[in-house]
Structure formats: structure tokens, C-alpha cells
């Protein structure tokens, strides 16, 4: 699957851009390592609360969707939501 965006990354990016108020500040990176893949989502500071949700409900719902994909694909996914840095990204 090298060279192609994974289904997990695409799903998380779609959800994140749909939830936040500044979708142009959403960056999703998939770090592949062994049996577990880390999906890191960077969002603007003012959107962190929207991505995490009250009591972590939104983040937990995204993790539940990732678990379904993990079962289908035979791998594990971890989700990490972080505040975007001020680095200018053109990609």
C-alpha cells in the first residue's frame, strides 16, 4: 500500500475536516511501525476541544471506527490528537 493513502488516514482526515472550524489547519500523518500504526491528527488550538469532545467522546468514537478498520485489515491503529504547530505547510 506504499504510495497510496491508507483508508484509516483518509477516514480520520475526512472526519477531522468535517468537525473543525478551520479545516485548512488539519494535518493527518500515519506513522507505520510494526503491527501498530499511529494516526496523528494536528488541529488548530481552538479546534482541539471539538476533536476531543466532551469527556473524550469524539476521540473515542473515532478510535472505535479505527478498531473496525483494524479488524478488517489485520492491524492495530492508535489515534493521537495534537495542537498544530505554527510551521507553514504547503502539502
N, C-alpha and C. Protein backbone atom coordinates (compact mmCIF):
# COMPACT_ATOMS: atom_id res chain seq x y z
N UNK A 1 0.82 -1.19 0.00
CA UNK A 1 0.00 0.00 0.00
C UNK A 1 0.87 1.26 0.00
N UNK A 2 2.13 1.11 -0.26
CA UNK A 2 3.02 2.26 -0.30
C UNK A 2 2.64 3.16 -1.47
N UNK A 3 2.73 4.47 -1.24
CA UNK A 3 2.39 5.40 -2.28
C UNK A 3 0.90 5.74 -2.32
N UNK A 4 0.12 5.02 -1.56
CA UNK A 4 -1.32 5.27 -1.50
C UNK A 4 -1.69 5.69 -0.09
N UNK A 5 -2.69 6.53 0.00
CA UNK A 5 -3.20 6.93 1.31
C UNK A 5 -4.00 5.77 1.89
N UNK A 6 -3.74 5.44 3.13
CA UNK A 6 -4.47 4.34 3.75
C UNK A 6 -5.92 4.75 4.03
N UNK A 7 -6.76 3.75 4.13
CA UNK A 7 -8.17 4.01 4.43
C UNK A 7 -8.32 4.66 5.80
N UNK A 8 -7.50 4.26 6.76
CA UNK A 8 -7.58 4.81 8.11
C UNK A 8 -7.23 6.30 8.10
N UNK A 9 -6.16 6.64 7.43
CA UNK A 9 -5.74 8.05 7.36
C UNK A 9 -6.81 8.88 6.67
N UNK A 10 -7.34 8.37 5.56
CA UNK A 10 -8.36 9.10 4.81
C UNK A 10 -9.63 9.29 5.66
N UNK A 11 -10.02 8.27 6.40
CA UNK A 11 -11.20 8.36 7.25
C UNK A 11 -11.02 9.41 8.34
N UNK A 12 -9.89 9.36 9.03
CA UNK A 12 -9.64 10.31 10.12
C UNK A 12 -9.56 11.73 9.57
N UNK A 13 -8.92 11.90 8.42
CA UNK A 13 -8.82 13.23 7.84
C UNK A 13 -10.19 13.77 7.45
N UNK A 14 -11.03 12.93 6.88
CA UNK A 14 -12.38 13.35 6.49
C UNK A 14 -13.19 13.77 7.72
N UNK A 15 -13.14 12.97 8.77
CA UNK A 15 -13.89 13.28 10.00
C UNK A 15 -13.37 14.58 10.61
N UNK A 16 -12.05 14.70 10.72
CA UNK A 16 -11.46 15.89 11.34
C UNK A 16 -11.83 17.15 10.58
N UNK A 17 -11.72 17.13 9.26
CA UNK A 17 -12.04 18.32 8.46
C UNK A 17 -13.53 18.66 8.53
N UNK A 18 -14.36 17.66 8.78
CA UNK A 18 -15.81 17.88 8.89
C UNK A 18 -16.20 18.49 10.24
N UNK A 19 -15.41 18.23 11.27
CA UNK A 19 -15.73 18.66 12.63
C UNK A 19 -15.22 20.06 12.96
N UNK A 20 -14.01 20.36 12.54
CA UNK A 20 -13.34 21.58 12.98
C UNK A 20 -13.84 22.83 12.27
N UNK A 21 -13.52 23.98 12.83
CA UNK A 21 -13.91 25.25 12.23
C UNK A 21 -12.85 25.74 11.23
N UNK A 22 -11.64 25.22 11.35
CA UNK A 22 -10.55 25.61 10.44
C UNK A 22 -9.98 24.37 9.75
N UNK A 23 -10.70 23.82 8.77
CA UNK A 23 -10.25 22.59 8.12
C UNK A 23 -8.92 22.72 7.38
N UNK A 24 -8.55 23.94 7.02
CA UNK A 24 -7.26 24.13 6.35
C UNK A 24 -6.08 23.96 7.31
N UNK A 25 -6.35 23.87 8.60
CA UNK A 25 -5.30 23.68 9.60
C UNK A 25 -5.24 22.23 10.10
N UNK A 26 -5.90 21.32 9.40
CA UNK A 26 -5.90 19.90 9.79
C UNK A 26 -4.81 19.18 9.00
N UNK A 27 -3.94 18.48 9.72
CA UNK A 27 -2.90 17.67 9.11
C UNK A 27 -2.93 16.29 9.74
N UNK A 28 -2.97 15.26 8.91
CA UNK A 28 -3.02 13.89 9.40
C UNK A 28 -1.80 13.15 8.87
N UNK A 29 -1.09 12.50 9.78
CA UNK A 29 0.10 11.74 9.42
C UNK A 29 -0.07 10.33 9.95
N UNK A 30 0.27 9.35 9.12
CA UNK A 30 0.25 7.96 9.56
C UNK A 30 1.68 7.48 9.69
N UNK A 31 2.04 7.03 10.88
CA UNK A 31 3.37 6.50 11.14
C UNK A 31 3.24 4.99 11.24
N UNK A 32 3.84 4.31 10.28
CA UNK A 32 3.75 2.85 10.25
C UNK A 32 4.96 2.27 10.95
N UNK A 33 4.69 1.37 11.88
CA UNK A 33 5.78 0.75 12.60
C UNK A 33 5.34 -0.56 13.22
N UNK A 34 5.78 -1.66 12.66
CA UNK A 34 5.41 -2.96 13.19
C UNK A 34 3.93 -3.23 13.02
N UNK A 35 3.34 -3.88 14.00
CA UNK A 35 1.93 -4.24 13.88
C UNK A 35 0.99 -3.05 14.14
N UNK A 36 1.51 -2.00 14.75
CA UNK A 36 0.67 -0.87 15.13
C UNK A 36 1.00 0.35 14.28
N UNK A 37 -0.04 1.04 13.83
CA UNK A 37 0.13 2.26 13.07
C UNK A 37 -0.43 3.42 13.90
N UNK A 38 0.34 4.50 13.96
CA UNK A 38 -0.08 5.68 14.69
C UNK A 38 -0.68 6.67 13.71
N UNK A 39 -1.90 7.12 13.99
CA UNK A 39 -2.54 8.17 13.20
C UNK A 39 -2.49 9.43 14.07
N UNK A 40 -1.71 10.41 13.63
CA UNK A 40 -1.57 11.65 14.39
C UNK A 40 -2.33 12.75 13.66
N UNK A 41 -3.21 13.42 14.39
CA UNK A 41 -4.03 14.49 13.83
C UNK A 41 -3.62 15.80 14.49
N UNK A 42 -3.22 16.74 13.67
CA UNK A 42 -2.90 18.09 14.16
C UNK A 42 -4.04 19.01 13.78
N UNK A 43 -4.55 19.75 14.76
CA UNK A 43 -5.62 20.71 14.51
C UNK A 43 -5.25 22.03 15.18
N UNK A 44 -5.90 23.10 14.75
CA UNK A 44 -5.67 24.41 15.36
C UNK A 44 -6.05 24.37 16.84
N UNK A 45 -5.40 25.21 17.62
CA UNK A 45 -5.63 25.23 19.07
C UNK A 45 -7.11 25.36 19.42
N UNK A 46 -7.82 26.22 18.69
CA UNK A 46 -9.23 26.44 19.01
C UNK A 46 -10.12 25.25 18.63
N UNK A 47 -9.60 24.30 17.88
CA UNK A 47 -10.38 23.13 17.48
C UNK A 47 -10.06 21.87 18.28
N UNK A 48 -9.10 21.95 19.18
CA UNK A 48 -8.76 20.77 19.99
C UNK A 48 -9.97 20.22 20.73
N UNK A 49 -10.74 21.11 21.33
CA UNK A 49 -11.93 20.68 22.08
C UNK A 49 -12.96 19.99 21.21
N UNK A 50 -13.12 20.47 19.99
CA UNK A 50 -14.06 19.84 19.06
C UNK A 50 -13.61 18.43 18.70
N UNK A 51 -12.31 18.25 18.49
CA UNK A 51 -11.79 16.94 18.10
C UNK A 51 -11.82 15.94 19.24
N UNK A 52 -11.58 16.42 20.45
CA UNK A 52 -11.57 15.52 21.59
C UNK A 52 -12.99 15.27 22.08
N UNK A 53 -13.80 16.32 22.13
CA UNK A 53 -15.18 16.18 22.56
C UNK A 53 -15.30 16.18 24.08
N UNK A 54 -16.52 16.41 24.54
CA UNK A 54 -16.77 16.43 25.97
C UNK A 54 -16.52 15.03 26.54
N UNK A 55 -15.60 14.97 27.48
CA UNK A 55 -15.28 13.68 28.10
C UNK A 55 -14.56 12.73 27.15
N UNK A 56 -14.05 13.26 26.04
CA UNK A 56 -13.33 12.42 25.08
C UNK A 56 -14.22 11.60 24.17
N UNK A 57 -15.49 11.97 24.08
CA UNK A 57 -16.45 11.17 23.30
C UNK A 57 -16.15 11.15 21.81
N UNK A 58 -15.77 12.28 21.25
CA UNK A 58 -15.48 12.32 19.81
C UNK A 58 -14.23 11.49 19.51
N UNK A 59 -13.19 11.68 20.30
CA UNK A 59 -11.97 10.90 20.11
C UNK A 59 -12.25 9.41 20.27
N UNK A 60 -13.05 9.04 21.25
CA UNK A 60 -13.40 7.63 21.44
C UNK A 60 -14.19 7.08 20.27
N UNK A 61 -15.07 7.89 19.68
CA UNK A 61 -15.84 7.44 18.53
C UNK A 61 -14.93 7.21 17.32
N UNK A 62 -13.95 8.10 17.12
CA UNK A 62 -13.00 7.92 16.02
C UNK A 62 -12.17 6.66 16.27
N UNK A 63 -11.76 6.44 17.50
CA UNK A 63 -10.99 5.23 17.83
C UNK A 63 -11.81 3.96 17.56
N UNK A 64 -13.11 4.02 17.85
CA UNK A 64 -13.98 2.87 17.59
C UNK A 64 -14.04 2.57 16.09
N UNK A 65 -14.13 3.62 15.27
CA UNK A 65 -14.11 3.41 13.82
C UNK A 65 -12.78 2.84 13.35
N UNK A 66 -11.70 3.31 13.95
CA UNK A 66 -10.38 2.77 13.61
C UNK A 66 -10.26 1.30 14.00
N UNK A 67 -10.89 0.91 15.10
CA UNK A 67 -10.88 -0.50 15.51
C UNK A 67 -11.56 -1.38 14.48
N UNK A 68 -12.65 -0.89 13.90
CA UNK A 68 -13.35 -1.64 12.87
C UNK A 68 -12.44 -1.84 11.66
N UNK A 69 -11.77 -0.76 11.23
CA UNK A 69 -10.83 -0.89 10.12
C UNK A 69 -9.68 -1.83 10.48
N UNK A 70 -9.22 -1.74 11.71
CA UNK A 70 -8.12 -2.60 12.15
C UNK A 70 -8.51 -4.07 12.05
N UNK A 71 -9.71 -4.40 12.45
CA UNK A 71 -10.18 -5.79 12.34
C UNK A 71 -10.24 -6.24 10.89
N UNK A 72 -10.69 -5.38 10.01
CA UNK A 72 -10.77 -5.72 8.59
C UNK A 72 -9.39 -5.88 7.95
N UNK A 73 -8.44 -5.07 8.40
CA UNK A 73 -7.12 -5.06 7.78
C UNK A 73 -6.09 -5.90 8.53
N UNK A 74 -6.43 -6.39 9.70
CA UNK A 74 -5.50 -7.21 10.46
C UNK A 74 -4.33 -6.44 11.05
N UNK A 75 -4.56 -5.23 11.48
CA UNK A 75 -3.51 -4.43 12.13
C UNK A 75 -4.12 -3.63 13.26
N UNK A 76 -3.30 -2.86 13.95
CA UNK A 76 -3.78 -2.03 15.06
C UNK A 76 -3.52 -0.56 14.72
N UNK A 77 -4.44 0.29 15.18
CA UNK A 77 -4.27 1.73 14.98
C UNK A 77 -4.35 2.42 16.33
N UNK A 78 -3.50 3.44 16.48
CA UNK A 78 -3.56 4.32 17.64
C UNK A 78 -3.86 5.72 17.12
N UNK A 79 -4.66 6.47 17.87
CA UNK A 79 -5.01 7.83 17.47
C UNK A 79 -4.42 8.81 18.47
N UNK A 80 -3.78 9.84 17.94
CA UNK A 80 -3.23 10.90 18.78
C UNK A 80 -3.68 12.24 18.20
N UNK A 81 -4.26 13.09 19.04
CA UNK A 81 -4.73 14.40 18.60
C UNK A 81 -3.86 15.45 19.27
N UNK A 82 -3.24 16.30 18.45
CA UNK A 82 -2.31 17.30 18.99
C UNK A 82 -2.60 18.67 18.39
N UNK A 83 -2.12 19.68 19.07
CA UNK A 83 -2.27 21.06 18.59
C UNK A 83 -1.27 21.29 17.46
N UNK A 84 -1.73 21.87 16.38
CA UNK A 84 -0.87 22.14 15.21
C UNK A 84 0.20 23.15 15.58
N UNK A 85 1.37 22.93 15.06
CA UNK A 85 2.47 23.88 15.27
C UNK A 85 2.31 25.01 14.27
N UNK A 86 3.06 26.04 14.43
CA UNK A 86 2.98 27.20 13.55
C UNK A 86 3.83 27.04 12.29
N UNK A 87 4.27 25.82 12.02
CA UNK A 87 5.08 25.57 10.83
C UNK A 87 4.20 25.74 9.59
N UNK A 88 4.69 26.47 8.62
CA UNK A 88 3.94 26.69 7.38
C UNK A 88 4.03 25.43 6.53
N UNK A 89 2.87 24.85 6.19
CA UNK A 89 2.84 23.62 5.41
C UNK A 89 2.21 23.91 4.07
N UNK A 90 2.86 23.44 3.04
CA UNK A 90 2.35 23.63 1.69
C UNK A 90 1.76 22.36 1.12
N UNK A 91 1.95 21.22 1.76
CA UNK A 91 1.50 19.93 1.20
C UNK A 91 0.06 19.66 1.44
